Protein backbone atom coordinates (compact mmCIF):
# COMPACT_ATOMS: atom_id res chain seq x y z
CA MET A 1 -7.17 101.71 93.14
CA SER A 2 -8.46 98.50 91.72
CA MET A 3 -8.21 97.83 88.00
CA MET A 4 -11.18 96.52 86.04
CA ARG A 5 -10.71 93.52 83.48
CA ILE A 6 -12.83 93.91 80.44
CA GLU A 7 -13.47 90.59 78.34
CA PRO A 8 -14.71 90.65 74.80
CA ALA A 9 -18.31 89.64 74.22
CA ARG A 10 -18.87 85.99 72.88
CA THR A 11 -20.41 85.74 69.49
CA PRO A 12 -23.16 83.06 68.84
CA ASN A 13 -22.24 79.83 66.74
CA SER A 14 -24.47 80.86 63.88
CA GLU A 15 -22.50 83.99 63.49
CA ARG A 16 -19.04 82.33 63.94
CA LYS A 17 -19.22 79.84 60.98
CA PRO A 18 -21.14 81.40 58.15
CA GLY A 19 -18.85 79.77 55.44
CA LEU A 20 -19.60 76.14 56.43
CA LEU A 21 -23.34 76.65 56.32
CA ARG A 22 -23.08 78.30 52.98
CA ARG A 23 -21.12 75.40 51.55
CA LEU A 24 -23.63 72.85 52.84
CA MET A 25 -26.47 74.75 51.27
CA LEU A 26 -24.70 74.97 47.92
CA ALA A 27 -23.92 71.20 47.92
CA THR A 28 -27.56 70.36 48.64
CA ALA A 29 -28.69 72.56 45.80
CA GLY A 30 -26.18 70.88 43.42
CA LEU A 31 -27.40 67.38 44.22
CA ALA A 32 -30.95 68.46 43.61
CA THR A 33 -29.97 69.95 40.27
CA LEU A 34 -28.11 66.70 39.22
CA ALA A 35 -31.07 64.53 40.17
CA GLY A 36 -33.33 66.76 38.16
CA SER A 37 -31.02 66.53 35.18
CA LEU A 38 -30.94 62.70 35.35
CA LEU A 39 -34.69 62.57 35.65
CA SER A 40 -34.97 64.89 32.70
CA VAL A 41 -32.70 62.67 30.59
CA GLY A 42 -34.69 59.57 31.52
CA CYS A 43 -37.91 61.23 30.62
CA SER A 44 -36.46 62.40 27.32
CA SER A 45 -35.46 58.78 26.43
CA ASP A 46 -38.90 57.53 27.27
CA LYS A 47 -40.33 60.14 25.01
CA GLY A 48 -38.65 58.48 21.87
CA GLU A 49 -35.37 60.25 21.37
CA PRO A 50 -33.37 58.71 18.34
CA VAL A 51 -31.15 55.69 19.19
CA PRO A 52 -27.60 55.34 17.72
CA THR A 53 -27.25 53.95 14.17
CA VAL A 54 -24.46 51.41 13.47
CA THR A 55 -22.58 51.64 10.18
CA VAL A 56 -22.01 48.20 8.56
CA GLN A 57 -21.08 46.66 5.24
CA VAL A 58 -23.44 44.16 3.63
CA ALA A 59 -23.09 41.48 0.97
CA ALA A 60 -25.73 39.78 -1.12
CA VAL A 61 -26.33 36.04 -0.79
CA GLU A 62 -24.96 34.62 -4.05
CA LYS A 63 -26.23 31.52 -5.83
CA THR A 64 -23.11 30.04 -7.37
CA THR A 65 -20.85 26.99 -7.55
CA ILE A 66 -18.63 26.31 -4.55
CA GLN A 67 -15.93 23.71 -4.09
CA HIS A 68 -14.54 22.09 -0.97
CA THR A 69 -10.80 22.40 -1.41
CA ILE A 70 -8.24 20.70 0.85
CA ASN A 71 -4.82 22.34 0.99
CA THR A 72 -1.86 20.41 2.38
CA GLN A 73 1.85 19.71 1.97
CA ALA A 74 3.13 16.62 0.13
CA ILE A 75 6.32 14.95 -1.09
CA LEU A 76 6.82 13.76 -4.67
CA PHE A 77 7.61 10.10 -5.33
CA PRO A 78 8.25 8.24 -8.61
CA ARG A 79 5.47 6.14 -10.12
CA GLN A 80 7.70 3.06 -9.76
CA GLN A 81 11.13 2.51 -8.30
CA ALA A 82 13.53 -0.45 -8.19
CA ALA A 83 16.79 -0.73 -6.29
CA ILE A 84 18.47 -3.53 -8.25
CA VAL A 85 20.38 -5.85 -5.91
CA PRO A 86 22.66 -8.64 -7.25
CA LYS A 87 22.13 -12.15 -5.84
CA ILE A 88 25.80 -13.03 -6.04
CA SER A 89 28.99 -11.28 -4.96
CA ALA A 90 31.36 -10.70 -7.86
CA PRO A 91 33.45 -7.88 -9.38
CA VAL A 92 31.71 -5.65 -11.91
CA GLN A 93 32.92 -6.58 -15.38
CA LYS A 94 31.21 -3.68 -17.15
CA PHE A 95 28.33 -1.19 -16.98
CA LEU A 96 26.17 -0.61 -20.05
CA VAL A 97 24.33 2.48 -18.68
CA LYS A 98 25.08 5.60 -16.63
CA ARG A 99 23.09 8.02 -14.50
CA GLY A 100 20.26 9.64 -16.42
CA SER A 101 20.12 6.89 -19.06
CA PRO A 102 16.55 6.03 -20.11
CA ILE A 103 15.99 2.25 -20.07
CA HIS A 104 13.23 -0.28 -20.67
CA ALA A 105 12.15 -3.42 -18.85
CA GLY A 106 14.45 -6.40 -19.49
CA GLN A 107 17.36 -4.30 -20.76
CA LEU A 108 20.87 -5.50 -19.81
CA LEU A 109 22.40 -2.89 -17.49
CA ALA A 110 25.60 -4.47 -16.15
CA VAL A 111 27.63 -7.70 -16.27
CA LEU A 112 29.51 -9.27 -13.34
CA GLU A 113 32.51 -11.61 -13.64
CA ASN A 114 30.99 -14.97 -14.64
CA ARG A 115 33.59 -17.28 -16.23
CA ASP A 116 33.42 -19.79 -13.38
CA LEU A 117 29.64 -19.76 -13.51
CA ALA A 118 29.68 -20.31 -17.26
CA ALA A 119 31.94 -23.37 -16.81
CA ALA A 120 29.68 -24.81 -14.10
CA ALA A 121 26.65 -24.36 -16.33
CA GLN A 122 28.41 -26.12 -19.18
CA ASP A 123 29.34 -29.07 -16.94
CA SER A 124 25.78 -29.39 -15.68
CA LYS A 125 24.47 -29.35 -19.22
CA GLY A 126 26.68 -32.33 -20.08
CA ALA A 127 25.41 -34.32 -17.10
CA TYR A 128 21.86 -33.48 -18.06
CA ASP A 129 22.36 -34.67 -21.63
CA GLN A 130 23.84 -37.94 -20.35
CA ALA A 131 20.90 -38.57 -18.00
CA GLN A 132 18.47 -37.89 -20.83
CA ALA A 133 20.22 -40.45 -23.05
CA THR A 134 20.11 -43.06 -20.26
CA TYR A 135 16.41 -42.48 -19.78
CA GLU A 136 15.72 -42.92 -23.48
CA THR A 137 17.78 -46.13 -23.54
CA THR A 138 15.97 -47.53 -20.52
CA THR A 139 12.52 -46.77 -21.84
CA GLY A 140 13.22 -47.58 -25.49
CA ALA A 141 15.58 -50.60 -25.44
CA SER A 142 16.52 -52.38 -22.18
CA LEU A 143 13.13 -52.60 -20.57
CA PRO A 144 11.16 -53.73 -23.65
CA GLU A 145 13.79 -56.44 -24.35
CA GLU A 146 13.44 -57.92 -20.86
CA ILE A 147 9.67 -57.86 -21.11
CA GLN A 148 9.81 -59.58 -24.50
CA LYS A 149 12.03 -62.34 -23.05
CA ALA A 150 9.61 -62.89 -20.17
CA GLU A 151 6.70 -63.07 -22.62
CA ALA A 152 8.59 -65.63 -24.73
CA ASP A 153 9.38 -67.78 -21.66
CA ALA A 154 5.76 -67.72 -20.61
CA GLN A 155 4.62 -68.67 -24.11
CA GLN A 156 7.13 -71.53 -24.28
CA ALA A 157 6.04 -72.89 -20.89
CA ARG A 158 2.44 -72.77 -22.04
CA GLN A 159 3.23 -74.74 -25.17
CA ALA A 160 5.15 -77.36 -23.12
CA LEU A 161 2.14 -77.70 -20.82
CA ASP A 162 -0.20 -78.19 -23.76
CA ALA A 163 2.08 -80.89 -25.19
CA GLN A 164 2.25 -82.78 -21.88
CA GLU A 165 -1.51 -82.65 -21.57
CA LYS A 166 -1.93 -84.23 -25.03
CA VAL A 167 0.59 -86.94 -24.19
CA PHE A 168 -1.23 -87.65 -20.95
CA GLU A 169 -4.58 -87.95 -22.73
CA SER A 170 -3.10 -90.32 -25.32
CA ARG A 171 -1.52 -92.53 -22.67
CA GLN A 172 -4.69 -92.53 -20.63
CA GLN A 173 -6.57 -93.90 -23.63
CA LEU A 174 -3.95 -96.60 -24.26
CA PHE A 175 -3.98 -97.53 -20.58
CA ASP A 176 -7.75 -97.90 -20.64
CA GLU A 177 -7.47 -100.26 -23.67
CA GLY A 178 -4.82 -102.29 -21.83
CA ALA A 179 -2.09 -101.42 -24.34
CA LEU A 180 0.05 -99.34 -21.94
CA PRO A 181 1.39 -100.19 -18.53
CA ARG A 182 0.49 -98.01 -15.54
CA LYS A 183 4.08 -96.96 -15.11
CA GLU A 184 4.04 -95.00 -18.34
CA LEU A 185 0.76 -93.33 -17.42
CA ASP A 186 2.14 -92.27 -14.02
CA GLN A 187 5.25 -90.83 -15.64
CA SER A 188 3.08 -88.79 -17.98
CA ARG A 189 1.12 -87.48 -15.00
CA VAL A 190 4.38 -86.29 -13.36
CA ASP A 191 5.53 -84.59 -16.58
CA ILE A 192 2.31 -82.64 -16.92
CA THR A 193 2.59 -81.43 -13.32
CA LEU A 194 6.13 -80.16 -13.95
CA ALA A 195 5.04 -78.38 -17.13
CA ARG A 196 2.14 -76.71 -15.31
CA ASN A 197 4.47 -75.44 -12.58
CA GLN A 198 6.98 -74.03 -15.06
CA TYR A 199 4.22 -72.22 -16.90
CA ALA A 200 2.93 -70.69 -13.62
CA ILE A 201 6.43 -69.44 -12.72
CA ALA A 202 7.00 -67.88 -16.16
CA ARG A 203 3.62 -66.22 -16.10
CA LYS A 204 4.15 -64.78 -12.63
CA HIS A 205 7.53 -63.37 -13.65
CA LEU A 206 5.98 -61.68 -16.67
CA ASP A 207 3.15 -60.20 -14.61
CA ALA A 208 5.57 -58.90 -11.98
CA LEU A 209 7.79 -57.38 -14.64
CA MET A 210 4.85 -55.68 -16.29
CA ALA A 211 3.31 -54.42 -13.04
CA PHE A 212 6.30 -53.57 -10.84
CA GLY A 213 9.62 -53.88 -12.63
CA LYS A 214 8.66 -51.67 -15.53
CA GLN A 215 7.26 -49.00 -13.25
CA GLN A 216 10.30 -48.91 -10.98
CA ALA A 217 12.76 -48.97 -13.86
CA LEU A 218 11.00 -46.05 -15.50
CA LYS A 219 10.80 -44.16 -12.19
CA GLY A 220 14.52 -44.63 -11.54
CA ALA A 221 15.47 -43.43 -15.01
CA ALA A 222 13.11 -40.46 -14.74
CA GLY A 223 14.52 -39.53 -11.30
CA GLN A 224 18.06 -39.44 -12.60
CA LEU A 225 16.94 -37.27 -15.50
CA GLU A 226 15.10 -34.81 -13.23
CA SER A 227 18.08 -34.56 -10.88
CA ALA A 228 20.43 -33.75 -13.74
CA LYS A 229 17.95 -31.24 -15.13
CA GLY A 230 17.63 -29.47 -11.76
CA LYS A 231 21.40 -29.13 -11.41
CA TYR A 232 21.61 -27.77 -14.94
CA LEU A 233 18.85 -25.20 -14.35
CA GLY A 234 20.48 -24.16 -11.07
CA ALA A 235 23.80 -23.59 -12.80
CA GLN A 236 22.04 -21.61 -15.52
CA ALA A 237 20.32 -19.47 -12.89
CA GLN A 238 23.62 -18.74 -11.15
CA PHE A 239 25.07 -17.70 -14.49
CA SER A 240 22.07 -15.47 -15.24
CA TYR A 241 22.55 -13.67 -11.89
CA SER A 242 25.77 -12.23 -13.31
CA GLU A 243 23.72 -10.32 -15.90
CA ILE A 244 21.89 -7.39 -14.29
CA ARG A 245 18.64 -6.47 -16.07
CA SER A 246 15.99 -3.84 -15.35
CA PRO A 247 12.58 -5.00 -14.10
CA ILE A 248 10.81 -1.77 -15.14
CA ASP A 249 10.92 1.09 -17.64
CA GLY A 250 12.50 4.25 -16.28
CA VAL A 251 15.67 6.26 -15.78
CA ILE A 252 18.89 5.35 -13.97
CA THR A 253 19.07 7.61 -10.90
CA ASP A 254 21.97 6.01 -8.99
CA ARG A 255 25.05 3.94 -9.88
CA PRO A 256 27.44 3.96 -6.90
CA LEU A 257 30.13 1.55 -8.21
CA TYR A 258 32.64 1.60 -11.06
CA PRO A 259 33.77 -1.31 -13.29
CA GLY A 260 36.18 -3.58 -11.42
CA GLU A 261 34.75 -2.88 -7.97
CA MET A 262 33.16 -5.68 -5.96
CA ALA A 263 29.39 -5.87 -6.09
CA ALA A 264 28.13 -7.38 -2.83
CA ALA A 265 25.03 -9.54 -2.71
CA GLY A 266 22.23 -7.65 -0.99
CA THR A 267 23.63 -4.17 -1.76
CA ALA A 268 21.99 -1.98 -4.40
CA LEU A 269 24.03 -1.85 -7.58
CA LEU A 270 21.68 0.39 -9.59
CA THR A 271 18.52 2.39 -8.90
CA VAL A 272 15.82 2.77 -11.54
CA MET A 273 12.88 5.20 -11.28
CA ASP A 274 9.88 5.48 -13.54
CA ILE A 275 9.17 9.22 -13.51
CA SER A 276 6.83 9.33 -16.50
CA SER A 277 4.32 10.07 -13.74
CA VAL A 278 4.91 11.27 -10.19
CA ILE A 279 2.86 10.70 -7.06
CA ALA A 280 2.44 13.35 -4.38
CA LYS A 281 1.88 11.59 -1.06
CA ALA A 282 0.15 13.63 1.64
CA HIS A 283 -1.29 12.90 5.08
CA ILE A 284 -4.57 14.69 5.79
CA PRO A 285 -7.05 14.63 8.69
CA GLN A 286 -9.66 11.90 8.71
CA ASN A 287 -12.60 14.32 8.34
CA ASP A 288 -11.17 15.78 5.13
CA ALA A 289 -10.18 12.37 3.77
CA ALA A 290 -13.77 11.15 4.18
CA THR A 291 -14.85 13.59 1.46
CA LEU A 292 -12.22 12.38 -1.04
CA LYS A 293 -12.47 9.49 -3.47
CA VAL A 294 -10.31 8.01 -6.20
CA GLY A 295 -10.68 10.05 -9.38
CA ASP A 296 -11.09 13.45 -7.70
CA LYS A 297 -9.11 16.27 -9.28
CA GLY A 298 -6.40 18.35 -7.71
CA THR A 299 -3.38 20.52 -8.42
CA MET A 300 0.13 20.72 -7.06
CA THR A 301 2.18 23.88 -6.76
CA VAL A 302 5.83 23.04 -7.40
CA PRO A 303 8.76 25.38 -6.63
CA GLY A 304 10.28 26.67 -9.86
CA ILE A 305 7.18 25.94 -11.97
CA GLU A 306 4.86 28.87 -12.53
CA GLU A 307 1.64 27.07 -13.41
CA PRO A 308 0.04 24.54 -11.02
CA VAL A 309 0.28 20.94 -12.24
CA GLU A 310 -3.01 19.08 -12.55
CA GLY A 311 -3.41 15.59 -11.16
CA THR A 312 -5.89 12.91 -10.13
CA VAL A 313 -6.38 11.24 -6.76
CA ALA A 314 -5.05 7.69 -7.21
CA VAL A 315 -5.17 6.32 -3.65
CA VAL A 316 -7.14 7.12 -0.51
CA SER A 317 -5.77 4.81 2.16
CA PRO A 318 -8.46 2.65 3.80
CA ALA A 319 -6.62 2.76 7.14
CA LEU A 320 -5.25 5.48 9.41
CA ASP A 321 -1.56 6.00 9.96
CA PRO A 322 -1.09 4.72 13.54
CA ASN A 323 1.57 7.34 14.28
CA SER A 324 -0.21 10.49 13.09
CA THR A 325 -3.85 9.23 12.94
CA THR A 326 -4.10 10.74 9.46
CA VAL A 327 -5.02 9.25 6.10
CA GLU A 328 -2.46 8.91 3.30
CA VAL A 329 -3.66 10.29 -0.05
CA TRP A 330 -1.88 10.02 -3.41
CA LEU A 331 -2.25 12.59 -6.18
CA GLU A 332 -0.81 11.30 -9.47
CA ALA A 333 0.29 13.71 -12.22
CA LYS A 334 1.82 13.18 -15.65
CA ASN A 335 5.48 14.11 -16.00
CA PRO A 336 6.36 13.77 -19.70
CA LYS A 337 9.21 16.30 -19.62
CA HIS A 338 10.62 15.03 -16.29
CA ALA A 339 10.29 18.52 -14.80
CA LEU A 340 8.88 17.13 -11.56
CA LYS A 341 11.65 15.69 -9.40
CA PRO A 342 10.99 12.98 -6.80
CA GLY A 343 11.72 14.21 -3.30
CA THR A 344 10.41 17.74 -3.94
CA SER A 345 8.07 19.27 -1.33
CA VAL A 346 4.90 20.61 -3.01
CA GLN A 347 1.65 22.28 -2.00
CA LEU A 348 -1.47 20.26 -2.85
CA SER A 349 -4.95 21.60 -3.50
CA LEU A 350 -7.49 18.78 -3.67
CA THR A 351 -11.06 19.35 -4.86
CA ALA A 352 -13.06 17.11 -2.57
CA GLN A 353 -16.59 18.25 -3.39
CA THR A 354 -18.35 20.56 -5.86
CA VAL A 355 -21.86 21.95 -5.29
CA LYS A 356 -23.68 23.86 -8.01
CA ASP A 357 -26.29 26.56 -7.31
CA ALA A 358 -25.19 26.84 -3.68
CA LEU A 359 -26.14 29.81 -1.50
CA VAL A 360 -22.82 31.43 -0.61
CA VAL A 361 -21.98 34.28 1.81
CA PRO A 362 -18.69 35.75 3.01
CA ALA A 363 -17.17 33.78 5.86
CA SER A 364 -16.81 37.05 7.83
CA SER A 365 -20.61 37.32 8.06
CA VAL A 366 -20.98 34.07 10.02
CA LEU A 367 -21.01 34.38 13.81
CA THR A 368 -20.29 31.37 16.01
CA ALA A 369 -21.60 31.27 19.56
CA PRO A 370 -19.76 29.57 22.45
CA ASP A 371 -22.21 26.66 22.25
CA GLY A 372 -21.32 26.10 18.57
CA THR A 373 -24.47 27.54 16.98
CA THR A 374 -23.96 29.72 13.91
CA THR A 375 -25.89 32.82 12.93
CA VAL A 376 -25.82 35.70 10.47
CA MET A 377 -27.20 39.21 10.68
CA LEU A 378 -29.59 39.96 7.83
CA ALA A 379 -29.87 43.53 6.58
CA GLY A 380 -33.66 43.91 6.43
CA PRO A 381 -35.57 46.31 4.22
CA ASP A 382 -36.75 48.04 7.41
CA GLY A 383 -33.21 49.30 8.07
CA LEU A 384 -32.68 46.91 10.97
CA ALA A 385 -30.28 44.02 11.48
CA HIS A 386 -32.08 40.71 12.12
CA GLN A 387 -30.27 37.77 13.68
CA LYS A 388 -30.86 34.48 11.85
CA ALA A 389 -29.69 30.97 12.77
CA VAL A 390 -28.09 29.16 9.81
CA LYS A 391 -26.69 25.75 8.94
CA LEU A 392 -23.30 25.77 7.24
CA GLY A 393 -22.04 23.60 4.40
CA ILE A 394 -18.82 23.79 2.40
CA ARG A 395 -16.24 26.41 3.24
CA ASN A 396 -13.78 27.53 0.58
CA GLY A 397 -11.40 30.30 1.53
CA ASP A 398 -13.41 33.47 2.30
CA ASP A 399 -16.72 31.91 1.16
CA VAL A 400 -19.04 29.58 3.00
CA GLN A 401 -22.14 27.70 1.87
CA ILE A 402 -25.41 28.19 3.75
CA LEU A 403 -27.59 25.09 3.74
CA ASP A 404 -30.51 26.53 5.65
CA GLY A 405 -31.54 29.94 7.02
CA VAL A 406 -31.19 32.38 4.10
CA THR A 407 -32.52 32.86 0.57
CA ALA A 408 -30.94 34.17 -2.61
CA SER A 409 -32.69 37.52 -2.15
CA ASP A 410 -31.25 38.19 1.32
CA LYS A 411 -28.36 40.43 2.24
CA VAL A 412 -26.08 39.73 5.17
CA VAL A 413 -23.93 42.02 7.31
CA ALA A 414 -20.42 41.22 6.15
CA ASN A 415 -18.48 43.59 8.43
CA GLY A 416 -19.60 45.04 11.74
CA ALA A 417 -21.94 42.23 12.83
CA TYR A 418 -19.83 41.10 15.79
CA GLY A 419 -21.53 42.08 19.04
CA LEU A 420 -24.43 43.70 17.18
CA PRO A 421 -27.76 43.19 19.02
CA ASP A 422 -30.78 41.92 17.18
CA LYS A 423 -32.96 44.59 15.52
CA THR A 424 -30.28 47.25 15.72
CA LYS A 425 -30.73 50.16 13.34
CA ILE A 426 -27.99 50.03 10.71
CA LYS A 427 -26.52 52.26 8.10
CA ILE A 428 -25.01 50.52 5.08
CA GLU A 429 -21.57 51.79 4.24
CA ALA A 430 -20.95 52.43 0.57
CA ALA A 431 -18.56 49.91 -0.97
CA ILE A 432 -15.53 51.10 -2.92
CA GLU A 433 -15.30 49.70 -6.42
CA ALA A 434 -12.00 48.75 -7.98
CA PRO A 435 -10.91 51.57 -10.31
CA ALA A 436 -11.49 50.82 -13.94
CA GLU A 437 -8.74 51.46 -16.44
CA GLY A 438 -8.64 55.16 -17.26
CA SER A 439 -11.13 56.14 -14.58
CA LYS A 440 -11.32 56.73 -10.84
CA ALA A 441 -13.25 54.60 -8.38
CA GLY A 442 -16.35 56.16 -6.91
CA PRO A 443 -18.61 55.10 -4.07
CA LYS A 444 -21.61 52.91 -4.76
CA ALA A 445 -25.04 54.18 -4.07
CA PRO A 446 -26.40 52.97 -0.69
CA SER A 447 -27.94 49.53 -0.90
CA GLU A 448 -31.66 49.08 -0.71
CA GLY A 449 -32.86 49.01 2.89
CA SER A 450 -30.13 51.30 4.22
CA SER A 451 -30.99 54.02 6.71
CA GLU A 452 -29.12 57.30 6.74
CA LYS A 453 -29.57 60.52 8.67
């Protein structure tokens, strides 16, 4: 008996995977629904649906006075200072002042050992007096006497010549009449020649004495006098170096030695500072220094002093510091009570420029583009923010001057303007007033031109 094998009937594919087809159909329907939704949203936007409103804070453009202020660090220096250095090396005999002593110019501050110098000065004075007496004797007695003798010799020779000439004339007349032999006439001619020669010699000696001898004698006597005087003045100067005097008014700030110690030439013995005024020396960038001039006002904030000290710019260096490429500026301030100490580090605030009736906005409202252009966002009466290019002027702290681009009636977006597109609808946030005494702060009413929903 043969057995029969029965196989199950095969089911078609459409009936074997009904779940896969169902999932495909559902996915297709979902995509269609999403596309419809997106299209619906796009159509809704095109139909004028409301755009988002940005909340900002605005500030009015103020017409006020603004100052360009330069803030920097500085060091205080005395108005004048002198480190007094002796010119000679000698022990200190005595000090007449101490640290903190107020002094005046020319005051004797200290004395060095000077007995040897005093003796040398006295000796030089004696030599000078002797040379002066010799000069007076030479010019008043010796030289005139010699000149007078030469004048007398010349006069006597002249008289002898005149006498010989008369004798010769008389003998010539007698010889012509035949009453005198020729021998006598020839002898008279020889005598007159001798007399003429003697007169010429005497006259030449007198002229030489007057022209050369007198001049040289006076020059020699004067030279000896000047030499003695120079030695005397030098000895006096050496003696004066032992007396230490102040070249300026001020206060003694340093006195390193004690009486009896050796004071070395070239080493400071005393230091004097004039601190009736102090000078704050600062180094500032060249651009800031270009706006400063002598006479500008400023203040210095000093540690330990509550109120800022007022001063005046005294120096604006005409050259740059080669090391820092900055400009040195001095601010001078009065110091009548000596409260300002040289060497103190202070904070300077220099008023470089003052502009009245300037258009001023908060610095936070100014936007700077990567290319350097500056703009502000104006809060328009239409409730939109309008971008406006501006030209900046002075900046002082949180305020900046606008030279061009806004008017006094405009309002600028002070906070919230960064990244804000042009003509964006804005809502002005109410500002919070500072609470008055005895009351609570309340919000301001929205500014004109605000848009709220």
